[in-house]
Amino acid sequence: MLTIDVEKANDVAVVHCGGRLVRGAEVSTLRNAVVSEKGTRIMVLDLSQLEFMDAGGLSALVSLHHWSRNHGIQLKLVNPSHFVLEMLTRTRLNRVFEISSLHDALKVLSDVDCYHAKYSGGYLGVPQALAAK
């Protein structure tokens, strides 16, 4: 199962991903969470707690990369787990994505008020936290 926690500060959104990013509901959950933050300038995907990702997960990241570019949003991948970094490297997607450390990403968010939204993959068609906004 994929869990997602979104923090937003002004025009920067940080999407913390945990668990498994695999084809199906998890991919849809991530896409919904990212696309719902389309008013941001910078989208940071924190992949440090992502334990597993299949080809569907890689495809979702590529799709989000194209979506963000088409909407003028800078997409950054932060702290990918060892497994995820290995997959990105073997598929040469590490050359496509901007990958940085969590420390670098936190510099962007320092001294800014944030709000949080939590999502859980597999059962939310439209994230409930967004409906509450």
N, C-alpha and C. Protein backbone atom coordinates (compact mmCIF):
# COMPACT_ATOMS: atom_id res chain seq x y z
N MET A 1 0.84 -1.18 0.00
CA MET A 1 0.00 0.00 0.00
C MET A 1 0.89 1.25 0.00
N LEU A 2 0.44 2.27 -0.68
CA LEU A 2 1.14 3.54 -0.75
C LEU A 2 0.50 4.53 0.20
N THR A 3 1.32 5.22 0.98
CA THR A 3 0.82 6.31 1.80
C THR A 3 1.46 7.60 1.31
N ILE A 4 0.68 8.66 1.34
CA ILE A 4 1.15 9.96 0.87
C ILE A 4 0.77 11.02 1.89
N ASP A 5 1.73 11.87 2.20
CA ASP A 5 1.52 13.01 3.09
C ASP A 5 2.00 14.24 2.33
N VAL A 6 1.12 15.22 2.15
CA VAL A 6 1.45 16.41 1.38
C VAL A 6 1.59 17.60 2.31
N GLU A 7 2.69 18.32 2.17
CA GLU A 7 2.90 19.58 2.88
C GLU A 7 3.01 20.67 1.82
N LYS A 8 2.34 21.78 2.07
CA LYS A 8 2.42 22.88 1.11
C LYS A 8 2.80 24.15 1.83
N ALA A 9 3.76 24.86 1.25
CA ALA A 9 4.20 26.14 1.78
C ALA A 9 4.29 27.10 0.60
N ASN A 10 3.39 28.07 0.60
CA ASN A 10 3.33 29.03 -0.50
C ASN A 10 3.21 28.30 -1.84
N ASP A 11 4.21 28.39 -2.68
CA ASP A 11 4.12 27.75 -3.99
C ASP A 11 5.02 26.51 -4.11
N VAL A 12 5.32 25.89 -2.96
CA VAL A 12 6.11 24.66 -2.93
C VAL A 12 5.30 23.58 -2.24
N ALA A 13 5.19 22.42 -2.89
CA ALA A 13 4.50 21.27 -2.28
C ALA A 13 5.49 20.13 -2.14
N VAL A 14 5.48 19.50 -0.97
CA VAL A 14 6.31 18.33 -0.72
C VAL A 14 5.38 17.14 -0.54
N VAL A 15 5.57 16.13 -1.37
CA VAL A 15 4.76 14.92 -1.32
C VAL A 15 5.63 13.80 -0.78
N HIS A 16 5.37 13.39 0.47
CA HIS A 16 6.12 12.31 1.11
C HIS A 16 5.44 10.99 0.74
N CYS A 17 6.19 10.09 0.12
CA CYS A 17 5.65 8.80 -0.32
C CYS A 17 6.24 7.69 0.53
N GLY A 18 5.41 6.77 0.96
CA GLY A 18 5.87 5.62 1.72
C GLY A 18 5.19 4.35 1.26
N GLY A 19 5.88 3.25 1.43
CA GLY A 19 5.29 1.96 1.07
C GLY A 19 5.70 1.51 -0.32
N ARG A 20 4.69 1.17 -1.13
CA ARG A 20 4.93 0.58 -2.45
C ARG A 20 4.23 1.41 -3.52
N LEU A 21 4.98 1.77 -4.55
CA LEU A 21 4.40 2.47 -5.69
C LEU A 21 4.34 1.47 -6.83
N VAL A 22 3.16 0.86 -6.99
CA VAL A 22 2.99 -0.18 -8.00
C VAL A 22 1.78 0.13 -8.87
N ARG A 23 1.74 -0.49 -10.02
CA ARG A 23 0.66 -0.30 -10.99
C ARG A 23 -0.70 -0.49 -10.31
N GLY A 24 -1.64 0.38 -10.63
CA GLY A 24 -2.99 0.26 -10.10
C GLY A 24 -3.37 1.45 -9.24
N ALA A 25 -4.04 1.17 -8.14
CA ALA A 25 -4.57 2.22 -7.27
C ALA A 25 -3.49 3.12 -6.70
N GLU A 26 -2.32 2.57 -6.40
CA GLU A 26 -1.25 3.37 -5.82
C GLU A 26 -0.78 4.46 -6.80
N VAL A 27 -0.66 4.09 -8.07
CA VAL A 27 -0.25 5.06 -9.09
C VAL A 27 -1.30 6.17 -9.20
N SER A 28 -2.57 5.78 -9.18
CA SER A 28 -3.66 6.77 -9.26
C SER A 28 -3.65 7.70 -8.05
N THR A 29 -3.38 7.14 -6.89
CA THR A 29 -3.34 7.95 -5.67
C THR A 29 -2.23 8.99 -5.74
N LEU A 30 -1.04 8.58 -6.19
CA LEU A 30 0.06 9.53 -6.32
C LEU A 30 -0.29 10.60 -7.34
N ARG A 31 -0.79 10.20 -8.48
CA ARG A 31 -1.15 11.17 -9.53
C ARG A 31 -2.18 12.17 -9.02
N ASN A 32 -3.22 11.69 -8.33
CA ASN A 32 -4.24 12.59 -7.78
C ASN A 32 -3.65 13.59 -6.80
N ALA A 33 -2.75 13.11 -5.94
CA ALA A 33 -2.13 13.99 -4.95
C ALA A 33 -1.29 15.07 -5.62
N VAL A 34 -0.52 14.69 -6.63
CA VAL A 34 0.36 15.66 -7.31
C VAL A 34 -0.45 16.63 -8.15
N VAL A 35 -1.38 16.11 -8.94
CA VAL A 35 -2.17 16.96 -9.83
C VAL A 35 -3.04 17.94 -9.05
N SER A 36 -3.48 17.55 -7.86
CA SER A 36 -4.31 18.44 -7.05
C SER A 36 -3.53 19.65 -6.55
N GLU A 37 -2.21 19.60 -6.59
CA GLU A 37 -1.37 20.71 -6.16
C GLU A 37 -0.84 21.50 -7.36
N LYS A 38 -1.63 21.59 -8.43
CA LYS A 38 -1.16 22.20 -9.67
C LYS A 38 -0.85 23.69 -9.54
N GLY A 39 -1.27 24.34 -8.48
CA GLY A 39 -0.98 25.75 -8.28
C GLY A 39 0.41 26.02 -7.71
N THR A 40 1.23 25.00 -7.61
CA THR A 40 2.56 25.16 -7.04
C THR A 40 3.58 25.47 -8.13
N ARG A 41 4.70 26.00 -7.70
CA ARG A 41 5.81 26.28 -8.62
C ARG A 41 6.83 25.15 -8.57
N ILE A 42 7.00 24.57 -7.38
CA ILE A 42 7.96 23.48 -7.19
C ILE A 42 7.24 22.31 -6.51
N MET A 43 7.38 21.13 -7.09
CA MET A 43 6.81 19.90 -6.53
C MET A 43 7.97 19.00 -6.14
N VAL A 44 8.04 18.66 -4.86
CA VAL A 44 9.10 17.80 -4.33
C VAL A 44 8.49 16.46 -3.96
N LEU A 45 9.00 15.39 -4.57
CA LEU A 45 8.56 14.05 -4.21
C LEU A 45 9.61 13.43 -3.30
N ASP A 46 9.28 13.27 -2.03
CA ASP A 46 10.18 12.64 -1.06
C ASP A 46 9.98 11.14 -1.15
N LEU A 47 10.97 10.44 -1.69
CA LEU A 47 10.88 9.00 -1.91
C LEU A 47 11.67 8.19 -0.89
N SER A 48 12.04 8.81 0.22
CA SER A 48 12.89 8.15 1.21
C SER A 48 12.22 6.95 1.87
N GLN A 49 10.91 6.95 1.98
CA GLN A 49 10.20 5.85 2.63
C GLN A 49 9.54 4.91 1.63
N LEU A 50 9.87 5.06 0.35
CA LEU A 50 9.33 4.18 -0.68
C LEU A 50 10.14 2.89 -0.70
N GLU A 51 9.52 1.79 -0.31
CA GLU A 51 10.22 0.51 -0.18
C GLU A 51 10.33 -0.24 -1.50
N PHE A 52 9.33 -0.07 -2.37
CA PHE A 52 9.30 -0.84 -3.61
C PHE A 52 8.60 -0.04 -4.69
N MET A 53 9.05 -0.23 -5.92
CA MET A 53 8.42 0.42 -7.06
C MET A 53 8.57 -0.53 -8.25
N ASP A 54 7.48 -0.72 -9.00
CA ASP A 54 7.55 -1.56 -10.19
C ASP A 54 7.57 -0.67 -11.43
N ALA A 55 7.44 -1.30 -12.61
CA ALA A 55 7.46 -0.54 -13.86
C ALA A 55 6.31 0.46 -13.92
N GLY A 56 5.17 0.11 -13.31
CA GLY A 56 4.05 1.05 -13.25
C GLY A 56 4.40 2.29 -12.45
N GLY A 57 5.16 2.12 -11.38
CA GLY A 57 5.61 3.26 -10.58
C GLY A 57 6.58 4.14 -11.34
N LEU A 58 7.52 3.51 -12.05
CA LEU A 58 8.45 4.27 -12.89
C LEU A 58 7.70 5.05 -13.96
N SER A 59 6.74 4.38 -14.58
CA SER A 59 5.93 5.03 -15.61
C SER A 59 5.16 6.22 -15.03
N ALA A 60 4.67 6.06 -13.82
CA ALA A 60 3.94 7.16 -13.16
C ALA A 60 4.86 8.35 -12.93
N LEU A 61 6.10 8.11 -12.51
CA LEU A 61 7.05 9.20 -12.31
C LEU A 61 7.35 9.92 -13.62
N VAL A 62 7.51 9.16 -14.69
CA VAL A 62 7.77 9.77 -16.00
C VAL A 62 6.56 10.59 -16.44
N SER A 63 5.39 10.05 -16.24
CA SER A 63 4.15 10.77 -16.58
C SER A 63 4.04 12.07 -15.79
N LEU A 64 4.36 12.02 -14.50
CA LEU A 64 4.31 13.23 -13.67
C LEU A 64 5.38 14.23 -14.09
N HIS A 65 6.51 13.72 -14.55
CA HIS A 65 7.57 14.60 -15.07
C HIS A 65 7.05 15.39 -16.27
N HIS A 66 6.40 14.70 -17.20
CA HIS A 66 5.84 15.37 -18.38
C HIS A 66 4.72 16.32 -17.99
N TRP A 67 3.84 15.89 -17.09
CA TRP A 67 2.74 16.73 -16.64
C TRP A 67 3.28 18.03 -16.00
N SER A 68 4.27 17.88 -15.13
CA SER A 68 4.80 19.06 -14.44
C SER A 68 5.45 20.03 -15.42
N ARG A 69 6.19 19.51 -16.38
CA ARG A 69 6.81 20.39 -17.39
C ARG A 69 5.76 21.12 -18.20
N ASN A 70 4.68 20.42 -18.57
CA ASN A 70 3.60 21.05 -19.34
C ASN A 70 2.85 22.12 -18.56
N HIS A 71 2.93 22.06 -17.22
CA HIS A 71 2.25 23.04 -16.38
C HIS A 71 3.20 24.04 -15.72
N GLY A 72 4.45 24.06 -16.17
CA GLY A 72 5.41 25.02 -15.64
C GLY A 72 5.80 24.78 -14.19
N ILE A 73 5.76 23.53 -13.77
CA ILE A 73 6.10 23.16 -12.40
C ILE A 73 7.43 22.42 -12.41
N GLN A 74 8.30 22.80 -11.49
CA GLN A 74 9.59 22.12 -11.36
C GLN A 74 9.40 20.90 -10.46
N LEU A 75 9.71 19.71 -10.98
CA LEU A 75 9.56 18.47 -10.22
C LEU A 75 10.93 18.01 -9.75
N LYS A 76 11.04 17.75 -8.44
CA LYS A 76 12.29 17.27 -7.86
C LYS A 76 12.02 15.97 -7.11
N LEU A 77 12.90 15.00 -7.28
CA LEU A 77 12.85 13.78 -6.49
C LEU A 77 13.87 13.92 -5.37
N VAL A 78 13.44 13.58 -4.15
CA VAL A 78 14.29 13.80 -2.99
C VAL A 78 14.49 12.49 -2.25
N ASN A 79 15.75 12.24 -1.87
CA ASN A 79 16.14 11.11 -1.03
C ASN A 79 15.50 9.79 -1.44
N PRO A 80 15.64 9.37 -2.69
CA PRO A 80 15.08 8.07 -3.03
C PRO A 80 15.75 6.97 -2.23
N SER A 81 14.96 6.00 -1.81
CA SER A 81 15.53 4.86 -1.09
C SER A 81 16.56 4.17 -1.98
N HIS A 82 17.37 3.33 -1.40
CA HIS A 82 18.42 2.64 -2.17
C HIS A 82 17.81 1.88 -3.34
N PHE A 83 16.73 1.16 -3.09
CA PHE A 83 16.08 0.38 -4.14
C PHE A 83 15.58 1.28 -5.27
N VAL A 84 14.92 2.37 -4.92
CA VAL A 84 14.37 3.29 -5.93
C VAL A 84 15.49 3.96 -6.71
N LEU A 85 16.53 4.39 -6.03
CA LEU A 85 17.66 5.00 -6.72
C LEU A 85 18.31 4.02 -7.69
N GLU A 86 18.42 2.77 -7.27
CA GLU A 86 18.98 1.74 -8.16
C GLU A 86 18.11 1.57 -9.41
N MET A 87 16.79 1.56 -9.24
CA MET A 87 15.89 1.45 -10.40
C MET A 87 16.02 2.66 -11.32
N LEU A 88 16.09 3.85 -10.74
CA LEU A 88 16.23 5.06 -11.55
C LEU A 88 17.56 5.06 -12.30
N THR A 89 18.61 4.55 -11.66
CA THR A 89 19.93 4.51 -12.28
C THR A 89 19.97 3.47 -13.40
N ARG A 90 19.44 2.28 -13.13
CA ARG A 90 19.48 1.20 -14.14
C ARG A 90 18.66 1.56 -15.39
N THR A 91 17.60 2.32 -15.21
CA THR A 91 16.77 2.73 -16.35
C THR A 91 17.21 4.07 -16.93
N ARG A 92 18.27 4.61 -16.34
CA ARG A 92 18.83 5.90 -16.73
C ARG A 92 17.88 7.08 -16.54
N LEU A 93 16.86 6.87 -15.74
CA LEU A 93 15.95 7.96 -15.43
C LEU A 93 16.57 8.95 -14.45
N ASN A 94 17.68 8.54 -13.83
CA ASN A 94 18.39 9.49 -12.96
C ASN A 94 18.93 10.66 -13.77
N ARG A 95 19.02 10.50 -15.09
CA ARG A 95 19.46 11.60 -15.97
C ARG A 95 18.29 12.49 -16.37
N VAL A 96 17.09 12.00 -16.19
CA VAL A 96 15.88 12.75 -16.56
C VAL A 96 15.41 13.62 -15.40
N PHE A 97 15.42 13.04 -14.20
CA PHE A 97 14.90 13.72 -13.02
C PHE A 97 15.97 14.50 -12.29
N GLU A 98 15.54 15.56 -11.65
CA GLU A 98 16.41 16.29 -10.74
C GLU A 98 16.29 15.59 -9.38
N ILE A 99 17.38 14.97 -8.93
CA ILE A 99 17.39 14.21 -7.68
C ILE A 99 18.31 14.92 -6.70
N SER A 100 17.79 15.18 -5.50
CA SER A 100 18.60 15.88 -4.50
C SER A 100 18.36 15.27 -3.13
N SER A 101 19.06 15.82 -2.15
CA SER A 101 18.91 15.35 -0.77
C SER A 101 17.74 16.06 -0.11
N LEU A 102 17.25 15.48 0.96
CA LEU A 102 16.17 16.10 1.72
C LEU A 102 16.65 17.42 2.30
N HIS A 103 17.91 17.49 2.70
CA HIS A 103 18.47 18.72 3.26
C HIS A 103 18.32 19.88 2.27
N ASP A 104 18.66 19.63 1.01
CA ASP A 104 18.53 20.68 0.00
C ASP A 104 17.08 21.11 -0.18
N ALA A 105 16.17 20.14 -0.15
CA ALA A 105 14.76 20.46 -0.30
C ALA A 105 14.24 21.26 0.89
N LEU A 106 14.73 20.93 2.08
CA LEU A 106 14.27 21.64 3.27
C LEU A 106 14.73 23.09 3.29
N LYS A 107 15.83 23.39 2.62
CA LYS A 107 16.28 24.78 2.50
C LYS A 107 15.19 25.62 1.84
N VAL A 108 14.54 25.04 0.85
CA VAL A 108 13.49 25.73 0.13
C VAL A 108 12.31 26.03 1.05
N LEU A 109 12.04 25.10 1.97
CA LEU A 109 10.86 25.22 2.82
C LEU A 109 11.12 25.89 4.17
N SER A 110 12.34 26.27 4.45
CA SER A 110 12.65 26.82 5.77
C SER A 110 11.90 28.13 6.03
N ASP A 111 11.44 28.26 7.27
CA ASP A 111 10.76 29.47 7.74
C ASP A 111 9.48 29.79 6.97
N VAL A 112 8.75 28.77 6.56
CA VAL A 112 7.50 28.98 5.85
C VAL A 112 6.42 28.16 6.53
N ASP A 113 5.22 28.74 6.70
CA ASP A 113 4.09 28.01 7.26
C ASP A 113 3.63 26.95 6.27
N CYS A 114 3.27 25.79 6.78
CA CYS A 114 2.84 24.67 5.93
C CYS A 114 1.47 24.18 6.37
N TYR A 115 0.76 23.55 5.46
CA TYR A 115 -0.39 22.76 5.84
C TYR A 115 -0.14 21.33 5.39
N HIS A 116 -0.80 20.40 6.03
CA HIS A 116 -0.57 18.98 5.76
C HIS A 116 -1.85 18.33 5.27
N ALA A 117 -1.71 17.38 4.37
CA ALA A 117 -2.83 16.55 3.93
C ALA A 117 -2.32 15.13 3.83
N LYS A 118 -3.10 14.19 4.31
CA LYS A 118 -2.69 12.78 4.27
C LYS A 118 -3.59 12.02 3.32
N TYR A 119 -2.97 11.12 2.57
CA TYR A 119 -3.68 10.25 1.65
C TYR A 119 -3.22 8.84 1.91
N SER A 120 -4.04 7.89 1.60
CA SER A 120 -3.65 6.50 1.69
C SER A 120 -4.10 5.79 0.44
N GLY A 121 -3.17 5.10 -0.19
CA GLY A 121 -3.46 4.46 -1.47
C GLY A 121 -4.41 3.30 -1.35
N GLY A 122 -5.10 3.05 -2.44
CA GLY A 122 -5.91 1.87 -2.54
C GLY A 122 -7.39 2.07 -2.32
N TYR A 123 -7.82 3.16 -1.65
CA TYR A 123 -9.25 3.29 -1.43
C TYR A 123 -9.78 4.70 -1.61
N LEU A 124 -8.96 5.65 -1.90
CA LEU A 124 -9.45 7.02 -2.10
C LEU A 124 -9.48 7.34 -3.58
N GLY A 125 -10.64 7.55 -4.13
CA GLY A 125 -10.73 7.99 -5.52
C GLY A 125 -10.36 9.46 -5.60
N VAL A 126 -11.00 10.28 -4.78
CA VAL A 126 -10.66 11.69 -4.65
C VAL A 126 -10.21 11.87 -3.21
N PRO A 127 -8.99 12.32 -3.01
CA PRO A 127 -8.47 12.44 -1.64
C PRO A 127 -9.39 13.25 -0.75
N GLN A 128 -9.75 12.66 0.38
CA GLN A 128 -10.68 13.30 1.31
C GLN A 128 -10.11 14.59 1.87
N ALA A 129 -8.81 14.64 2.08
CA ALA A 129 -8.20 15.84 2.64
C ALA A 129 -8.39 17.02 1.71
N LEU A 130 -8.41 16.79 0.40
CA LEU A 130 -8.62 17.88 -0.53
C LEU A 130 -10.05 18.34 -0.54
N ALA A 131 -10.97 17.41 -0.34
CA ALA A 131 -12.38 17.77 -0.30
C ALA A 131 -12.68 18.67 0.90
N ALA A 132 -11.86 18.57 1.94
CA ALA A 132 -12.06 19.37 3.14
C ALA A 132 -11.56 20.79 2.99
N LYS A 133 -10.75 21.06 1.93
CA LYS A 133 -10.20 22.40 1.75
C LYS A 133 -11.28 23.40 1.43
